[in-house]
Amino acid sequence: MDIAIDKIAEVIILARDLDHRRAEFDGFIESLNEDEKANLVALMWVGRGSFEPEDFDQAVETAMSEATVPTAQYLKGSLHLADHLENGLDAMGISALDAEDEVYRPG
């Protein structure tokens, strides 16, 4: 994946409190580069079952080629964004819980 795990964990944390942290969420997503945004969308798709983990690269390519709205807007349209990202990390063999703990309690 071409996005740091701690960035994904930050998005998960912000998504869990989106009603109160919408501006912070938007700003964080906009601070990501295009590759990171595409990887984040692809990970969400893996987490919701639209792509298999082994098809992650194809999901990234699809995310890049089919992007028609700002990434933050698209992600906020997923009612279970945090869950999908956590499931995506788990499907990729990465502990979402450990990643979130690192953001809450940095090294």
PDB file of N, CA and C in Angstrom:
ATOM      1  N   MET A   1       0.845  -1.187   0.000  1.00  0.00           N
ATOM      2  CA  MET A   1       0.000   0.000   0.000  1.00  0.00           C
ATOM      3  C   MET A   1       0.884   1.241   0.000  1.00  0.00           C
ATOM      4  N   ASP A   2       0.446   2.234  -0.734  1.00  0.00           N
ATOM      5  CA  ASP A   2       1.193   3.487  -0.820  1.00  0.00           C
ATOM      6  C   ASP A   2       0.566   4.555   0.068  1.00  0.00           C
ATOM      7  N   ILE A   3       0.257   4.168   1.302  1.00  0.00           N
ATOM      8  CA  ILE A   3      -0.221   5.109   2.318  1.00  0.00           C
ATOM      9  C   ILE A   3       0.210   4.530   3.665  1.00  0.00           C
ATOM     10  N   ALA A   4       0.696   5.402   4.529  1.00  0.00           N
ATOM     11  CA  ALA A   4       1.161   4.955   5.836  1.00  0.00           C
ATOM     12  C   ALA A   4      -0.016   4.452   6.677  1.00  0.00           C
ATOM     13  N   ILE A   5       0.247   3.413   7.440  1.00  0.00           N
ATOM     14  CA  ILE A   5      -0.798   2.818   8.278  1.00  0.00           C
ATOM     15  C   ILE A   5      -1.319   3.832   9.287  1.00  0.00           C
ATOM     16  N   ASP A   6      -0.444   4.688   9.821  1.00  0.00           N
ATOM     17  CA  ASP A   6      -0.911   5.672  10.803  1.00  0.00           C
ATOM     18  C   ASP A   6      -1.869   6.677  10.170  1.00  0.00           C
ATOM     19  N   LYS A   7      -1.722   6.951   8.893  1.00  0.00           N
ATOM     20  CA  LYS A   7      -2.673   7.847   8.215  1.00  0.00           C
ATOM     21  C   LYS A   7      -4.040   7.177   8.085  1.00  0.00           C
ATOM     22  N   ILE A   8      -4.035   5.885   7.774  1.00  0.00           N
ATOM     23  CA  ILE A   8      -5.298   5.149   7.693  1.00  0.00           C
ATOM     24  C   ILE A   8      -5.966   5.132   9.068  1.00  0.00           C
ATOM     25  N   ALA A   9      -5.173   4.888  10.103  1.00  0.00           N
ATOM     26  CA  ALA A   9      -5.714   4.861  11.463  1.00  0.00           C
ATOM     27  C   ALA A   9      -6.315   6.217  11.832  1.00  0.00           C
ATOM     28  N   GLU A  10      -5.668   7.288  11.429  1.00  0.00           N
ATOM     29  CA  GLU A  10      -6.195   8.634  11.699  1.00  0.00           C
ATOM     30  C   GLU A  10      -7.541   8.833  11.014  1.00  0.00           C
ATOM     31  N   VAL A  11      -7.661   8.374   9.775  1.00  0.00           N
ATOM     32  CA  VAL A  11      -8.930   8.483   9.048  1.00  0.00           C
ATOM     33  C   VAL A  11     -10.011   7.678   9.770  1.00  0.00           C
ATOM     34  N   ILE A  12      -9.674   6.493  10.240  1.00  0.00           N
ATOM     35  CA  ILE A  12     -10.640   5.663  10.974  1.00  0.00           C
ATOM     36  C   ILE A  12     -11.122   6.395  12.218  1.00  0.00           C
ATOM     37  N   ILE A  13     -10.198   6.967  12.963  1.00  0.00           N
ATOM     38  CA  ILE A  13     -10.548   7.682  14.197  1.00  0.00           C
ATOM     39  C   ILE A  13     -11.433   8.888  13.880  1.00  0.00           C
ATOM     40  N   LEU A  14     -11.065   9.655  12.870  1.00  0.00           N
ATOM     41  CA  LEU A  14     -11.871  10.821  12.483  1.00  0.00           C
ATOM     42  C   LEU A  14     -13.251  10.389  11.985  1.00  0.00           C
ATOM     43  N   ALA A  15     -13.305   9.299  11.232  1.00  0.00           N
ATOM     44  CA  ALA A  15     -14.581   8.824  10.685  1.00  0.00           C
ATOM     45  C   ALA A  15     -15.536   8.389  11.790  1.00  0.00           C
ATOM     46  N   ARG A  16     -15.007   7.873  12.874  1.00  0.00           N
ATOM     47  CA  ARG A  16     -15.857   7.442  13.991  1.00  0.00           C
ATOM     48  C   ARG A  16     -16.560   8.615  14.666  1.00  0.00           C
ATOM     49  N   ASP A  17     -16.001   9.817  14.528  1.00  0.00           N
ATOM     50  CA  ASP A  17     -16.577  11.008  15.160  1.00  0.00           C
ATOM     51  C   ASP A  17     -16.867  12.079  14.109  1.00  0.00           C
ATOM     52  N   LEU A  18     -17.295  11.634  12.943  1.00  0.00           N
ATOM     53  CA  LEU A  18     -17.458  12.523  11.799  1.00  0.00           C
ATOM     54  C   LEU A  18     -18.431  13.671  12.058  1.00  0.00           C
ATOM     55  N   ASP A  19     -19.459  13.443  12.846  1.00  0.00           N
ATOM     56  CA  ASP A  19     -20.414  14.513  13.124  1.00  0.00           C
ATOM     57  C   ASP A  19     -19.753  15.720  13.773  1.00  0.00           C
ATOM     58  N   HIS A  20     -18.723  15.479  14.565  1.00  0.00           N
ATOM     59  CA  HIS A  20     -18.052  16.563  15.291  1.00  0.00           C
ATOM     60  C   HIS A  20     -16.717  16.971  14.681  1.00  0.00           C
ATOM     61  N   ARG A  21     -16.206  16.154  13.772  1.00  0.00           N
ATOM     62  CA  ARG A  21     -14.863  16.406  13.242  1.00  0.00           C
ATOM     63  C   ARG A  21     -14.834  16.448  11.714  1.00  0.00           C
ATOM     64  N   ARG A  22     -15.946  16.859  11.133  1.00  0.00           N
ATOM     65  CA  ARG A  22     -16.074  16.877   9.672  1.00  0.00           C
ATOM     66  C   ARG A  22     -15.000  17.744   9.008  1.00  0.00           C
ATOM     67  N   ALA A  23     -14.782  18.941   9.514  1.00  0.00           N
ATOM     68  CA  ALA A  23     -13.786  19.843   8.913  1.00  0.00           C
ATOM     69  C   ALA A  23     -12.383  19.259   9.042  1.00  0.00           C
ATOM     70  N   GLU A  24     -12.082  18.664  10.188  1.00  0.00           N
ATOM     71  CA  GLU A  24     -10.782  18.039  10.389  1.00  0.00           C
ATOM     72  C   GLU A  24     -10.606  16.852   9.436  1.00  0.00           C
ATOM     73  N   PHE A  25     -11.666  16.065   9.267  1.00  0.00           N
ATOM     74  CA  PHE A  25     -11.643  14.934   8.330  1.00  0.00           C
ATOM     75  C   PHE A  25     -11.355  15.436   6.920  1.00  0.00           C
ATOM     76  N   ASP A  26     -12.118  16.444   6.487  1.00  0.00           N
ATOM     77  CA  ASP A  26     -11.944  16.985   5.139  1.00  0.00           C
ATOM     78  C   ASP A  26     -10.515  17.483   4.930  1.00  0.00           C
ATOM     79  N   GLY A  27     -10.001  18.226   5.904  1.00  0.00           N
ATOM     80  CA  GLY A  27      -8.653  18.761   5.793  1.00  0.00           C
ATOM     81  C   GLY A  27      -7.598  17.674   5.741  1.00  0.00           C
ATOM     82  N   PHE A  28      -7.787  16.636   6.553  1.00  0.00           N
ATOM     83  CA  PHE A  28      -6.821  15.540   6.566  1.00  0.00           C
ATOM     84  C   PHE A  28      -6.809  14.812   5.231  1.00  0.00           C
ATOM     85  N   ILE A  29      -7.983  14.510   4.696  1.00  0.00           N
ATOM     86  CA  ILE A  29      -8.065  13.815   3.407  1.00  0.00           C
ATOM     87  C   ILE A  29      -7.452  14.676   2.310  1.00  0.00           C
ATOM     88  N   GLU A  30      -7.732  15.964   2.330  1.00  0.00           N
ATOM     89  CA  GLU A  30      -7.189  16.847   1.302  1.00  0.00           C
ATOM     90  C   GLU A  30      -5.677  16.985   1.399  1.00  0.00           C
ATOM     91  N   SER A  31      -5.100  16.727   2.567  1.00  0.00           N
ATOM     92  CA  SER A  31      -3.647  16.815   2.728  1.00  0.00           C
ATOM     93  C   SER A  31      -2.920  15.603   2.130  1.00  0.00           C
ATOM     94  N   LEU A  32      -3.664  14.550   1.833  1.00  0.00           N
ATOM     95  CA  LEU A  32      -3.070  13.350   1.239  1.00  0.00           C
ATOM     96  C   LEU A  32      -2.781  13.583  -0.239  1.00  0.00           C
ATOM     97  N   ASN A  33      -1.750  12.907  -0.745  1.00  0.00           N
ATOM     98  CA  ASN A  33      -1.495  13.004  -2.184  1.00  0.00           C
ATOM     99  C   ASN A  33      -2.455  12.069  -2.933  1.00  0.00           C
ATOM    100  N   GLU A  34      -2.450  12.157  -4.234  1.00  0.00           N
ATOM    101  CA  GLU A  34      -3.416  11.394  -5.039  1.00  0.00           C
ATOM    102  C   GLU A  34      -3.238   9.885  -4.873  1.00  0.00           C
ATOM    103  N   ASP A  35      -2.008   9.420  -4.780  1.00  0.00           N
ATOM    104  CA  ASP A  35      -1.772   7.986  -4.573  1.00  0.00           C
ATOM    105  C   ASP A  35      -2.335   7.527  -3.230  1.00  0.00           C
ATOM    106  N   GLU A  36      -2.127   8.325  -2.193  1.00  0.00           N
ATOM    107  CA  GLU A  36      -2.648   7.969  -0.873  1.00  0.00           C
ATOM    108  C   GLU A  36      -4.176   7.931  -0.880  1.00  0.00           C
ATOM    109  N   LYS A  37      -4.780   8.900  -1.532  1.00  0.00           N
ATOM    110  CA  LYS A  37      -6.245   8.930  -1.613  1.00  0.00           C
ATOM    111  C   LYS A  37      -6.778   7.693  -2.332  1.00  0.00           C
ATOM    112  N   ALA A  38      -6.142   7.327  -3.443  1.00  0.00           N
ATOM    113  CA  ALA A  38      -6.583   6.154  -4.203  1.00  0.00           C
ATOM    114  C   ALA A  38      -6.402   4.887  -3.373  1.00  0.00           C
ATOM    115  N   ASN A  39      -5.300   4.789  -2.638  1.00  0.00           N
ATOM    116  CA  ASN A  39      -5.070   3.627  -1.779  1.00  0.00           C
ATOM    117  C   ASN A  39      -6.095   3.555  -0.667  1.00  0.00           C
ATOM    118  N   LEU A  40      -6.485   4.687  -0.129  1.00  0.00           N
ATOM    119  CA  LEU A  40      -7.496   4.725   0.930  1.00  0.00           C
ATOM    120  C   LEU A  40      -8.848   4.250   0.399  1.00  0.00           C
ATOM    121  N   VAL A  41      -9.237   4.727  -0.757  1.00  0.00           N
ATOM    122  CA  VAL A  41     -10.495   4.288  -1.377  1.00  0.00           C
ATOM    123  C   VAL A  41     -10.431   2.793  -1.680  1.00  0.00           C
ATOM    124  N   ALA A  42      -9.313   2.342  -2.229  1.00  0.00           N
ATOM    125  CA  ALA A  42      -9.164   0.917  -2.552  1.00  0.00           C
ATOM    126  C   ALA A  42      -9.269   0.063  -1.290  1.00  0.00           C
ATOM    127  N   LEU A  43      -8.661   0.527  -0.214  1.00  0.00           N
ATOM    128  CA  LEU A  43      -8.732  -0.216   1.045  1.00  0.00           C
ATOM    129  C   LEU A  43     -10.170  -0.301   1.549  1.00  0.00           C
ATOM    130  N   MET A  44     -10.918   0.792   1.426  1.00  0.00           N
ATOM    131  CA  MET A  44     -12.320   0.776   1.821  1.00  0.00           C
ATOM    132  C   MET A  44     -13.083  -0.257   0.980  1.00  0.00           C
ATOM    133  N   TRP A  45     -12.800  -0.298  -0.320  1.00  0.00           N
ATOM    134  CA  TRP A  45     -13.470  -1.259  -1.198  1.00  0.00           C
ATOM    135  C   TRP A  45     -13.142  -2.692  -0.810  1.00  0.00           C
ATOM    136  N   VAL A  46     -11.901  -2.950  -0.455  1.00  0.00           N
ATOM    137  CA  VAL A  46     -11.527  -4.295   0.007  1.00  0.00           C
ATOM    138  C   VAL A  46     -12.298  -4.609   1.283  1.00  0.00           C
ATOM    139  N   GLY A  47     -12.384  -3.641   2.176  1.00  0.00           N
ATOM    140  CA  GLY A  47     -13.071  -3.848   3.444  1.00  0.00           C
ATOM    141  C   GLY A  47     -14.558  -4.087   3.325  1.00  0.00           C
ATOM    142  N   ARG A  48     -15.162  -3.558   2.295  1.00  0.00           N
ATOM    143  CA  ARG A  48     -16.603  -3.791   2.118  1.00  0.00           C
ATOM    144  C   ARG A  48     -16.886  -4.950   1.174  1.00  0.00           C
ATOM    145  N   GLY A  49     -15.821  -5.574   0.653  1.00  0.00           N
ATOM    146  CA  GLY A  49     -15.982  -6.760  -0.172  1.00  0.00           C
ATOM    147  C   GLY A  49     -16.113  -6.522  -1.658  1.00  0.00           C
ATOM    148  N   SER A  50     -15.897  -5.298  -2.113  1.00  0.00           N
ATOM    149  CA  SER A  50     -15.977  -5.006  -3.546  1.00  0.00           C
ATOM    150  C   SER A  50     -14.781  -5.566  -4.310  1.00  0.00           C
ATOM    151  N   PHE A  51     -13.644  -5.683  -3.629  1.00  0.00           N
ATOM    152  CA  PHE A  51     -12.432  -6.261  -4.197  1.00  0.00           C
ATOM    153  C   PHE A  51     -11.848  -7.223  -3.180  1.00  0.00           C
ATOM    154  N   GLU A  52     -11.146  -8.231  -3.650  1.00  0.00           N
ATOM    155  CA  GLU A  52     -10.415  -9.151  -2.782  1.00  0.00           C
ATOM    156  C   GLU A  52      -9.052  -8.533  -2.470  1.00  0.00           C
ATOM    157  N   PRO A  53      -8.463  -8.882  -1.340  1.00  0.00           N
ATOM    158  CA  PRO A  53      -7.144  -8.325  -0.997  1.00  0.00           C
ATOM    159  C   PRO A  53      -6.100  -8.527  -2.097  1.00  0.00           C
ATOM    160  N   GLU A  54      -6.140  -9.677  -2.753  1.00  0.00           N
ATOM    161  CA  GLU A  54      -5.151  -9.936  -3.803  1.00  0.00           C
ATOM    162  C   GLU A  54      -5.364  -9.074  -5.045  1.00  0.00           C
ATOM    163  N   ASP A  55      -6.502  -8.394  -5.134  1.00  0.00           N
ATOM    164  CA  ASP A  55      -6.806  -7.501  -6.248  1.00  0.00           C
ATOM    165  C   ASP A  55      -6.636  -6.034  -5.866  1.00  0.00           C
ATOM    166  N   PHE A  56      -5.871  -5.787  -4.792  1.00  0.00           N
ATOM    167  CA  PHE A  56      -5.719  -4.427  -4.277  1.00  0.00           C
ATOM    168  C   PHE A  56      -5.168  -3.471  -5.337  1.00  0.00           C
ATOM    169  N   ASP A  57      -4.147  -3.890  -6.080  1.00  0.00           N
ATOM    170  CA  ASP A  57      -3.569  -3.006  -7.107  1.00  0.00           C
ATOM    171  C   ASP A  57      -4.608  -2.614  -8.150  1.00  0.00           C
ATOM    172  N   GLN A  58      -5.458  -3.555  -8.519  1.00  0.00           N
ATOM    173  CA  GLN A  58      -6.535  -3.254  -9.465  1.00  0.00           C
ATOM    174  C   GLN A  58      -7.520  -2.264  -8.831  1.00  0.00           C
ATOM    175  N   ALA A  59      -7.787  -2.417  -7.547  1.00  0.00           N
ATOM    176  CA  ALA A  59      -8.690  -1.491  -6.855  1.00  0.00           C
ATOM    177  C   ALA A  59      -8.112  -0.081  -6.857  1.00  0.00           C
ATOM    178  N   VAL A  60      -6.802   0.036  -6.647  1.00  0.00           N
ATOM    179  CA  VAL A  60      -6.148   1.357  -6.674  1.00  0.00           C
ATOM    180  C   VAL A  60      -6.281   1.971  -8.064  1.00  0.00           C
ATOM    181  N   GLU A  61      -6.009   1.192  -9.095  1.00  0.00           N
ATOM    182  CA  GLU A  61      -6.137   1.695 -10.468  1.00  0.00           C
ATOM    183  C   GLU A  61      -7.570   2.146 -10.753  1.00  0.00           C
ATOM    184  N   THR A  62      -8.539   1.370 -10.283  1.00  0.00           N
ATOM    185  CA  THR A  62      -9.946   1.720 -10.469  1.00  0.00           C
ATOM    186  C   THR A  62     -10.275   3.008  -9.726  1.00  0.00           C
ATOM    187  N   ALA A  63      -9.781   3.129  -8.498  1.00  0.00           N
ATOM    188  CA  ALA A  63     -10.029   4.345  -7.716  1.00  0.00           C
ATOM    189  C   ALA A  63      -9.477   5.578  -8.429  1.00  0.00           C
ATOM    190  N   MET A  64      -8.311   5.439  -9.031  1.00  0.00           N
ATOM    191  CA  MET A  64      -7.706   6.577  -9.738  1.00  0.00           C
ATOM    192  C   MET A  64      -8.473   6.918 -11.014  1.00  0.00           C
ATOM    193  N   SER A  65      -8.874   5.901 -11.741  1.00  0.00           N
ATOM    194  CA  SER A  65      -9.514   6.159 -13.034  1.00  0.00           C
ATOM    195  C   SER A  65     -10.979   6.558 -12.912  1.00  0.00           C
ATOM    196  N   GLU A  66     -11.632   6.165 -11.822  1.00  0.00           N
ATOM    197  CA  GLU A  66     -13.060   6.443 -11.691  1.00  0.00           C
ATOM    198  C   GLU A  66     -13.387   7.581 -10.734  1.00  0.00           C
ATOM    199  N   ALA A  67     -12.384   8.262 -10.223  1.00  0.00           N
ATOM    200  CA  ALA A  67     -12.637   9.366  -9.291  1.00  0.00           C
ATOM    201  C   ALA A  67     -13.356  10.506 -10.001  1.00  0.00           C
ATOM    202  N   THR A  68     -14.553  10.825  -9.510  1.00  0.00           N
ATOM    203  CA  THR A  68     -15.328  11.905 -10.129  1.00  0.00           C
ATOM    204  C   THR A  68     -15.717  12.990  -9.133  1.00  0.00           C
ATOM    205  N   VAL A  69     -15.600  12.704  -7.843  1.00  0.00           N
ATOM    206  CA  VAL A  69     -15.903  13.689  -6.801  1.00  0.00           C
ATOM    207  C   VAL A  69     -14.711  13.748  -5.851  1.00  0.00           C
ATOM    208  N   PRO A  70     -14.591  14.816  -5.070  1.00  0.00           N
ATOM    209  CA  PRO A  70     -13.493  14.871  -4.101  1.00  0.00           C
ATOM    210  C   PRO A  70     -13.505  13.649  -3.183  1.00  0.00           C
ATOM    211  N   THR A  71     -12.323  13.152  -2.868  1.00  0.00           N
ATOM    212  CA  THR A  71     -12.201  11.918  -2.088  1.00  0.00           C
ATOM    213  C   THR A  71     -12.907  12.019  -0.744  1.00  0.00           C
ATOM    214  N   ALA A  72     -12.753  13.142  -0.051  1.00  0.00           N
ATOM    215  CA  ALA A  72     -13.403  13.281   1.261  1.00  0.00           C
ATOM    216  C   ALA A  72     -14.913  13.136   1.119  1.00  0.00           C
ATOM    217  N   GLN A  73     -15.476  13.762   0.111  1.00  0.00           N
ATOM    218  CA  GLN A  73     -16.920  13.664  -0.125  1.00  0.00           C
ATOM    219  C   GLN A  73     -17.326  12.223  -0.407  1.00  0.00           C
ATOM    220  N   TYR A  74     -16.558  11.543  -1.246  1.00  0.00           N
ATOM    221  CA  TYR A  74     -16.862  10.154  -1.583  1.00  0.00           C
ATOM    222  C   TYR A  74     -16.810   9.273  -0.339  1.00  0.00           C
ATOM    223  N   LEU A  75     -15.754   9.409   0.450  1.00  0.00           N
ATOM    224  CA  LEU A  75     -15.602   8.570   1.640  1.00  0.00           C
ATOM    225  C   LEU A  75     -16.716   8.831   2.652  1.00  0.00           C
ATOM    226  N   LYS A  76     -17.099  10.085   2.816  1.00  0.00           N
ATOM    227  CA  LYS A  76     -18.174  10.403   3.767  1.00  0.00           C
ATOM    228  C   LYS A  76     -19.511   9.815   3.344  1.00  0.00           C
ATOM    229  N   GLY A  77     -19.621   9.441   2.075  1.00  0.00           N
ATOM    230  CA  GLY A  77     -20.844   8.806   1.595  1.00  0.00           C
ATOM    231  C   GLY A  77     -20.993   7.363   2.049  1.00  0.00           C
ATOM    232  N   SER A  78     -19.941   6.800   2.606  1.00  0.00           N
ATOM    233  CA  SER A  78     -19.992   5.428   3.124  1.00  0.00           C
ATOM    234  C   SER A  78     -20.382   5.475   4.598  1.00  0.00           C
ATOM    235  N   LEU A  79     -21.570   4.982   4.907  1.00  0.00           N
ATOM    236  CA  LEU A  79     -22.063   5.048   6.287  1.00  0.00           C
ATOM    237  C   LEU A  79     -21.202   4.267   7.272  1.00  0.00           C
ATOM    238  N   HIS A  80     -20.489   3.281   6.770  1.00  0.00           N
ATOM    239  CA  HIS A  80     -19.668   2.423   7.636  1.00  0.00           C
ATOM    240  C   HIS A  80     -18.193   2.543   7.268  1.00  0.00           C
ATOM    241  N   LEU A  81     -17.757   3.771   6.964  1.00  0.00           N
ATOM    242  CA  LEU A  81     -16.392   3.999   6.495  1.00  0.00           C
ATOM    243  C   LEU A  81     -15.350   3.426   7.446  1.00  0.00           C
ATOM    244  N   ALA A  82     -15.444   3.740   8.729  1.00  0.00           N
ATOM    245  CA  ALA A  82     -14.440   3.259   9.691  1.00  0.00           C
ATOM    246  C   ALA A  82     -14.398   1.732   9.705  1.00  0.00           C
ATOM    247  N   ASP A  83     -15.553   1.108   9.704  1.00  0.00           N
ATOM    248  CA  ASP A  83     -15.612  -0.356   9.704  1.00  0.00           C
ATOM    249  C   ASP A  83     -15.005  -0.934   8.427  1.00  0.00           C
ATOM    250  N   HIS A  84     -15.320  -0.324   7.285  1.00  0.00           N
ATOM    251  CA  HIS A  84     -14.774  -0.811   6.017  1.00  0.00           C
ATOM    252  C   HIS A  84     -13.250  -0.690   5.993  1.00  0.00           C
ATOM    253  N   LEU A  85     -12.726   0.418   6.508  1.00  0.00           N
ATOM    254  CA  LEU A  85     -11.269   0.585   6.532  1.00  0.00           C
ATOM    255  C   LEU A  85     -10.620  -0.422   7.477  1.00  0.00           C
ATOM    256  N   GLU A  86     -11.236  -0.623   8.643  1.00  0.00           N
ATOM    257  CA  GLU A  86     -10.707  -1.622   9.579  1.00  0.00           C
ATOM    258  C   GLU A  86     -10.733  -3.017   8.955  1.00  0.00           C
ATOM    259  N   ASN A  87     -11.847  -3.358   8.322  1.00  0.00           N
ATOM    260  CA  ASN A  87     -11.963  -4.663   7.661  1.00  0.00           C
ATOM    261  C   ASN A  87     -10.949  -4.798   6.536  1.00  0.00           C
ATOM    262  N   GLY A  88     -10.713  -3.698   5.813  1.00  0.00           N
ATOM    263  CA  GLY A  88      -9.728  -3.712   4.743  1.00  0.00           C
ATOM    264  C   GLY A  88      -8.322  -3.968   5.268  1.00  0.00           C
ATOM    265  N   LEU A  89      -7.970  -3.280   6.350  1.00  0.00           N
ATOM    266  CA  LEU A  89      -6.659  -3.518   6.957  1.00  0.00           C
ATOM    267  C   LEU A  89      -6.527  -4.974   7.383  1.00  0.00           C
ATOM    268  N   ASP A  90      -7.545  -5.459   8.069  1.00  0.00           N
ATOM    269  CA  ASP A  90      -7.511  -6.853   8.523  1.00  0.00           C
ATOM    270  C   ASP A  90      -7.368  -7.814   7.346  1.00  0.00           C
ATOM    271  N   ALA A  91      -8.089  -7.553   6.253  1.00  0.00           N
ATOM    272  CA  ALA A  91      -8.014  -8.414   5.079  1.00  0.00           C
ATOM    273  C   ALA A  91      -6.622  -8.388   4.448  1.00  0.00           C
ATOM    274  N   MET A  92      -5.929  -7.266   4.617  1.00  0.00           N
ATOM    275  CA  MET A  92      -4.577  -7.128   4.078  1.00  0.00           C
ATOM    276  C   MET A  92      -3.528  -7.650   5.062  1.00  0.00           C
ATOM    277  N   GLY A  93      -3.984  -8.201   6.187  1.00  0.00           N
ATOM    278  CA  GLY A  93      -3.062  -8.773   7.159  1.00  0.00           C
ATOM    279  C   GLY A  93      -2.453  -7.768   8.111  1.00  0.00           C
ATOM    280  N   ILE A  94      -3.114  -6.628   8.281  1.00  0.00           N
ATOM    281  CA  ILE A  94      -2.624  -5.569   9.165  1.00  0.00           C
ATOM    282  C   ILE A  94      -3.642  -5.378  10.279  1.00  0.00           C
ATOM    283  N   SER A  95      -3.172  -5.326  11.511  1.00  0.00           N
ATOM    284  CA  SER A  95      -4.074  -5.156  12.648  1.00  0.00           C
ATOM    285  C   SER A  95      -4.559  -3.713  12.739  1.00  0.00           C
ATOM    286  N   ALA A  96      -5.841  -3.521  12.491  1.00  0.00           N
ATOM    287  CA  ALA A  96      -6.426  -2.187  12.595  1.00  0.00           C
ATOM    288  C   ALA A  96      -6.351  -1.684  14.032  1.00  0.00           C
ATOM    289  N   LEU A  97      -6.584  -2.557  14.982  1.00  0.00           N
ATOM    290  CA  LEU A  97      -6.552  -2.178  16.396  1.00  0.00           C
ATOM    291  C   LEU A  97      -5.169  -1.677  16.787  1.00  0.00           C
ATOM    292  N   ASP A  98      -4.129  -2.377  16.378  1.00  0.00           N
ATOM    293  CA  ASP A  98      -2.768  -1.938  16.683  1.00  0.00           C
ATOM    294  C   ASP A  98      -2.470  -0.590  16.038  1.00  0.00           C
ATOM    295  N   ALA A  99      -2.924  -0.400  14.804  1.00  0.00           N
ATOM    296  CA  ALA A  99      -2.692   0.856  14.094  1.00  0.00           C
ATOM    297  C   ALA A  99      -3.376   2.021  14.808  1.00  0.00           C
ATOM    298  N   GLU A 100      -4.614   1.814  15.247  1.00  0.00           N
ATOM    299  CA  GLU A 100      -5.335   2.867  15.949  1.00  0.00           C
ATOM    300  C   GLU A 100      -4.699   3.153  17.299  1.00  0.00           C
ATOM    301  N   ASP A 101      -4.256   2.123  17.982  1.00  0.00           N
ATOM    302  CA  ASP A 101      -3.580   2.306  19.268  1.00  0.00           C
ATOM    303  C   ASP A 101      -2.323   3.143  19.116  1.00  0.00           C
ATOM    304  N   GLU A 102      -1.594   2.959  18.018  1.00  0.00           N
ATOM    305  CA  GLU A 102      -0.373   3.733  17.766  1.00  0.00           C
ATOM    306  C   GLU A 102      -0.693   5.213  17.606  1.00  0.00           C
ATOM    307  N   VAL A 103      -1.824   5.540  16.983  1.00  0.00           N
ATOM    308  CA  VAL A 103      -2.203   6.934  16.806  1.00  0.00           C
ATOM    309  C   VAL A 103      -2.595   7.534  18.144  1.00  0.00           C
ATOM    310  N   TYR A 104      -3.320   6.765  18.966  1.00  0.00           N
ATOM    311  CA  TYR A 104      -3.719   7.245  20.280  1.00  0.00           C
ATOM    312  C   TYR A 104      -2.525   7.344  21.235  1.00  0.00           C
ATOM    313  N   ARG A 105      -1.620   6.367  21.154  1.00  0.00           N
ATOM    314  CA  ARG A 105      -0.456   6.314  22.050  1.00  0.00           C
ATOM    315  C   ARG A 105       0.807   6.182  21.229  1.00  0.00           C
ATOM    316  N   PRO A 106       1.266   7.306  20.629  1.00  0.00           N
ATOM    317  CA  PRO A 106       2.456   7.230  19.770  1.00  0.00           C
ATOM    318  C   PRO A 106       3.662   6.665  20.497  1.00  0.00           C
ATOM    319  N   GLY A 107       4.442   5.869  19.715  1.00  0.00           N
ATOM    320  CA  GLY A 107       5.617   5.173  20.113  1.00  0.00           C
ATOM    321  C   GLY A 107       6.377   5.665  21.243  1.00  0.00           C
TER     322      GLY A 107
END
